[in-house]
């Protein structure tokens, strides 16, 4: 089993840019560049106020392909930490990007995958989700994820944003005594 979570992919990540800045997010062209390039953001990310560059997901896919897991667990937070840009369309763009990437680069895209949105995967600015109604991102995510969910799990997820189902591996083997519960708290 392989799990990946909190990618916070930043398609605006700029190697060589400043890793310390007076903004919520650094490591972007808009934050400027270091005079000494060796002190700037590295090509594979930085332990700073930065999210990950695109190259990291290619390396992640290579490792997942190498490991050849029976089950993949994808637990959200795809978009970068730039919440001021969050709209339903922005979140959909990042989810489409990762979904298309996975389809193109994972050798077994249809392996047993269990998915759940993260707290940065809602289209509302600053993650202000109204729990009295279905979040507008759920139908979009449901459309992408239904390939991996049982019919019952699809209905529950489409209405509530969480689900449970019996564990099934990529070979189709059902593990009756193991229930997968996907809940974002």
Protein backbone atom coordinates (compact mmCIF):
# COMPACT_ATOMS: atom_id res chain seq x y z
CA UNK A 1 0.00 0.00 0.00
CA UNK A 2 1.18 3.49 -0.84
CA UNK A 3 -0.42 6.65 0.52
CA UNK A 4 0.22 10.15 -0.66
CA UNK A 5 -1.25 13.21 0.98
CA UNK A 6 -0.80 16.95 1.18
CA UNK A 7 1.10 17.32 -2.08
CA UNK A 8 0.28 21.03 -2.30
CA UNK A 9 1.59 21.08 -5.84
CA UNK A 10 2.70 24.56 -6.91
CA UNK A 11 2.85 24.96 -10.67
CA UNK A 12 4.27 28.46 -10.09
CA UNK A 13 7.25 27.14 -8.09
CA UNK A 14 10.44 28.79 -9.38
CA UNK A 15 13.83 27.19 -8.67
CA UNK A 16 16.33 29.79 -7.52
CA UNK A 17 13.65 32.08 -6.11
CA UNK A 18 13.67 33.36 -2.55
CA UNK A 19 12.77 30.85 0.13
CA UNK A 20 12.18 33.55 2.74
CA UNK A 21 9.87 36.39 1.94
CA UNK A 22 7.18 38.56 3.53
CA UNK A 23 4.36 36.51 2.03
CA UNK A 24 2.43 33.40 2.96
CA UNK A 25 4.12 31.56 0.09
CA UNK A 26 7.65 31.95 -1.22
CA UNK A 27 9.59 30.12 -3.94
CA UNK A 28 7.72 31.84 -6.74
CA UNK A 29 8.84 34.25 -9.44
CA UNK A 30 6.88 37.05 -7.76
CA UNK A 31 8.93 36.70 -4.55
CA UNK A 32 12.14 37.47 -6.42
CA UNK A 33 15.40 35.60 -6.83
CA UNK A 34 18.47 35.25 -4.64
CA UNK A 35 21.66 36.96 -5.82
CA UNK A 36 23.47 33.74 -4.99
CA UNK A 37 21.50 30.97 -6.80
CA UNK A 38 22.78 28.35 -4.35
CA UNK A 39 20.72 30.07 -1.62
CA UNK A 40 17.52 30.02 -3.67
CA UNK A 41 14.80 27.42 -3.89
CA UNK A 42 16.12 24.04 -4.99
CA UNK A 43 14.84 22.18 -8.06
CA UNK A 44 12.97 19.61 -5.93
CA UNK A 45 11.49 21.87 -3.27
CA UNK A 46 12.58 23.58 -0.14
CA UNK A 47 11.94 23.36 3.60
CA UNK A 48 10.49 26.86 3.73
CA UNK A 49 7.21 28.64 3.05
CA UNK A 50 7.05 26.82 -0.27
CA UNK A 51 4.97 24.07 -1.81
CA UNK A 52 6.34 21.36 -4.08
CA UNK A 53 7.42 21.81 -7.69
CA UNK A 54 6.00 19.68 -10.48
CA UNK A 55 9.18 17.57 -10.76
CA UNK A 56 8.44 16.01 -7.37
CA UNK A 57 5.27 14.32 -8.63
CA UNK A 58 7.23 12.72 -11.47
CA UNK A 59 9.63 11.26 -8.92
CA UNK A 60 6.66 10.18 -6.79
CA UNK A 61 5.12 8.37 -9.77
CA UNK A 62 8.43 6.66 -10.53
CA UNK A 63 8.57 5.39 -6.95
CA UNK A 64 4.94 4.24 -6.96
CA UNK A 65 5.56 2.36 -10.21
CA UNK A 66 8.70 0.80 -8.72
CA UNK A 67 6.86 -0.30 -5.57
CA UNK A 68 3.95 -1.70 -7.59
CA UNK A 69 1.49 -1.49 -4.67
CA UNK A 70 -1.74 -3.46 -4.39
CA UNK A 71 -3.54 -0.39 -3.07
CA UNK A 72 -3.06 3.36 -3.47
CA UNK A 73 -4.46 5.84 -0.93
CA UNK A 74 -4.73 9.44 -2.15
CA UNK A 75 -5.80 11.77 0.64
CA UNK A 76 -6.10 15.19 -0.88
CA UNK A 77 -4.66 18.65 -0.51
CA UNK A 78 -3.57 18.95 -4.12
CA UNK A 79 -3.67 22.75 -4.50
CA UNK A 80 -0.94 25.06 -3.21
CA UNK A 81 -1.40 27.11 -0.04
CA UNK A 82 -2.44 30.22 -1.99
CA UNK A 83 -5.98 30.26 -0.59
CA UNK A 84 -6.58 33.78 -1.92
CA UNK A 85 -6.76 32.16 -5.38
CA UNK A 86 -9.20 29.43 -4.38
CA UNK A 87 -12.28 29.17 -6.52
CA UNK A 88 -14.14 26.07 -7.56
CA UNK A 89 -12.43 26.33 -10.98
CA UNK A 90 -8.96 26.69 -9.45
CA UNK A 91 -9.39 23.60 -7.27
CA UNK A 92 -10.84 21.67 -10.21
CA UNK A 93 -7.82 22.68 -12.33
CA UNK A 94 -5.35 21.26 -9.80
CA UNK A 95 -7.40 18.09 -9.31
CA UNK A 96 -7.70 17.62 -13.09
CA UNK A 97 -3.97 18.18 -13.41
CA UNK A 98 -3.10 15.49 -10.87
CA UNK A 99 -5.75 13.06 -12.14
CA UNK A 100 -4.48 13.42 -15.73
CA UNK A 101 -0.90 13.13 -14.52
CA UNK A 102 -1.68 9.92 -12.65
CA UNK A 103 -3.50 8.46 -15.63
CA UNK A 104 -0.49 9.22 -17.83
CA UNK A 105 2.38 8.28 -15.52
CA UNK A 106 1.23 5.54 -13.17
CA UNK A 107 1.75 2.19 -14.85
CA UNK A 108 -1.35 0.77 -13.17
CA UNK A 109 -3.71 3.72 -12.95
CA UNK A 110 -6.68 1.47 -12.39
CA UNK A 111 -5.18 -0.21 -9.34
CA UNK A 112 -7.33 -0.19 -6.23
CA UNK A 113 -7.34 3.47 -5.20
CA UNK A 114 -9.00 5.06 -2.21
CA UNK A 115 -9.37 8.82 -2.47
CA UNK A 116 -10.54 11.66 -0.28
CA UNK A 117 -10.45 15.43 -0.53
CA UNK A 118 -8.28 17.41 1.84
CA UNK A 119 -9.11 20.65 3.63
CA UNK A 120 -7.48 22.58 0.75
CA UNK A 121 -9.64 20.89 -1.89
CA UNK A 122 -12.78 22.95 -1.49
CA UNK A 123 -13.67 25.80 -3.83
CA UNK A 124 -14.63 28.17 -1.05
CA UNK A 125 -12.10 30.85 -0.16
CA UNK A 126 -10.20 29.96 3.02
CA UNK A 127 -11.95 26.59 3.17
CA UNK A 128 -15.22 27.98 4.54
CA UNK A 129 -17.37 24.97 3.85
CA UNK A 130 -21.11 25.13 4.58
CA UNK A 131 -21.92 21.74 6.09
CA UNK A 132 -25.67 22.29 5.70
CA UNK A 133 -25.40 21.62 1.95
CA UNK A 134 -23.35 19.50 -0.43
CA UNK A 135 -20.10 21.22 -1.36
CA UNK A 136 -20.03 22.08 -5.08
CA UNK A 137 -16.67 20.30 -5.48
CA UNK A 138 -18.15 16.90 -4.52
CA UNK A 139 -19.91 16.22 -7.87
CA UNK A 140 -16.71 17.14 -9.72
CA UNK A 141 -14.57 14.83 -7.55
CA UNK A 142 -17.23 12.11 -7.69
CA UNK A 143 -17.06 12.14 -11.48
CA UNK A 144 -13.30 11.48 -11.39
CA UNK A 145 -13.31 9.05 -8.51
CA UNK A 146 -16.34 6.86 -9.26
CA UNK A 147 -14.10 4.40 -11.13
CA UNK A 148 -12.67 3.38 -7.73
CA UNK A 149 -15.78 3.48 -5.52
CA UNK A 150 -18.55 0.97 -4.98
CA UNK A 151 -22.07 2.15 -5.86
CA UNK A 152 -22.91 2.64 -2.19
CA UNK A 153 -19.68 4.59 -1.57
CA UNK A 154 -20.41 6.78 -4.63
CA UNK A 155 -23.81 7.78 -3.28
CA UNK A 156 -22.45 8.52 0.20
CA UNK A 157 -19.51 10.51 -1.15
CA UNK A 158 -21.60 12.53 -3.63
CA UNK A 159 -23.90 13.63 -0.81
CA UNK A 160 -21.51 13.92 2.13
CA UNK A 161 -17.86 13.96 1.02
CA UNK A 162 -16.92 10.79 2.89
CA UNK A 163 -17.46 7.07 2.33
CA UNK A 164 -16.56 3.57 3.42
CA UNK A 165 -16.22 0.32 1.55
CA UNK A 166 -14.65 -3.10 1.88
CA UNK A 167 -10.96 -3.22 0.92
CA UNK A 168 -10.30 -4.53 -2.57
CA UNK A 169 -6.79 -4.94 -4.03
CA UNK A 170 -5.71 -4.30 -7.62
CA UNK A 171 -6.09 -8.01 -8.39
CA UNK A 172 -9.76 -7.74 -7.42
CA UNK A 173 -9.30 -9.67 -4.20
CA UNK A 174 -11.84 -8.47 -1.64
CA UNK A 175 -10.71 -8.47 1.97
CA UNK A 176 -14.09 -8.90 3.68
CA UNK A 177 -12.92 -8.21 7.21
CA UNK A 178 -11.19 -4.88 6.33
CA UNK A 179 -13.31 -1.78 5.90
CA UNK A 180 -11.76 1.36 4.39
CA UNK A 181 -13.21 4.50 5.97
CA UNK A 182 -12.39 7.76 4.19
CA UNK A 183 -13.30 10.80 6.32
CA UNK A 184 -11.85 14.30 6.33
CA UNK A 185 -12.25 15.81 9.80
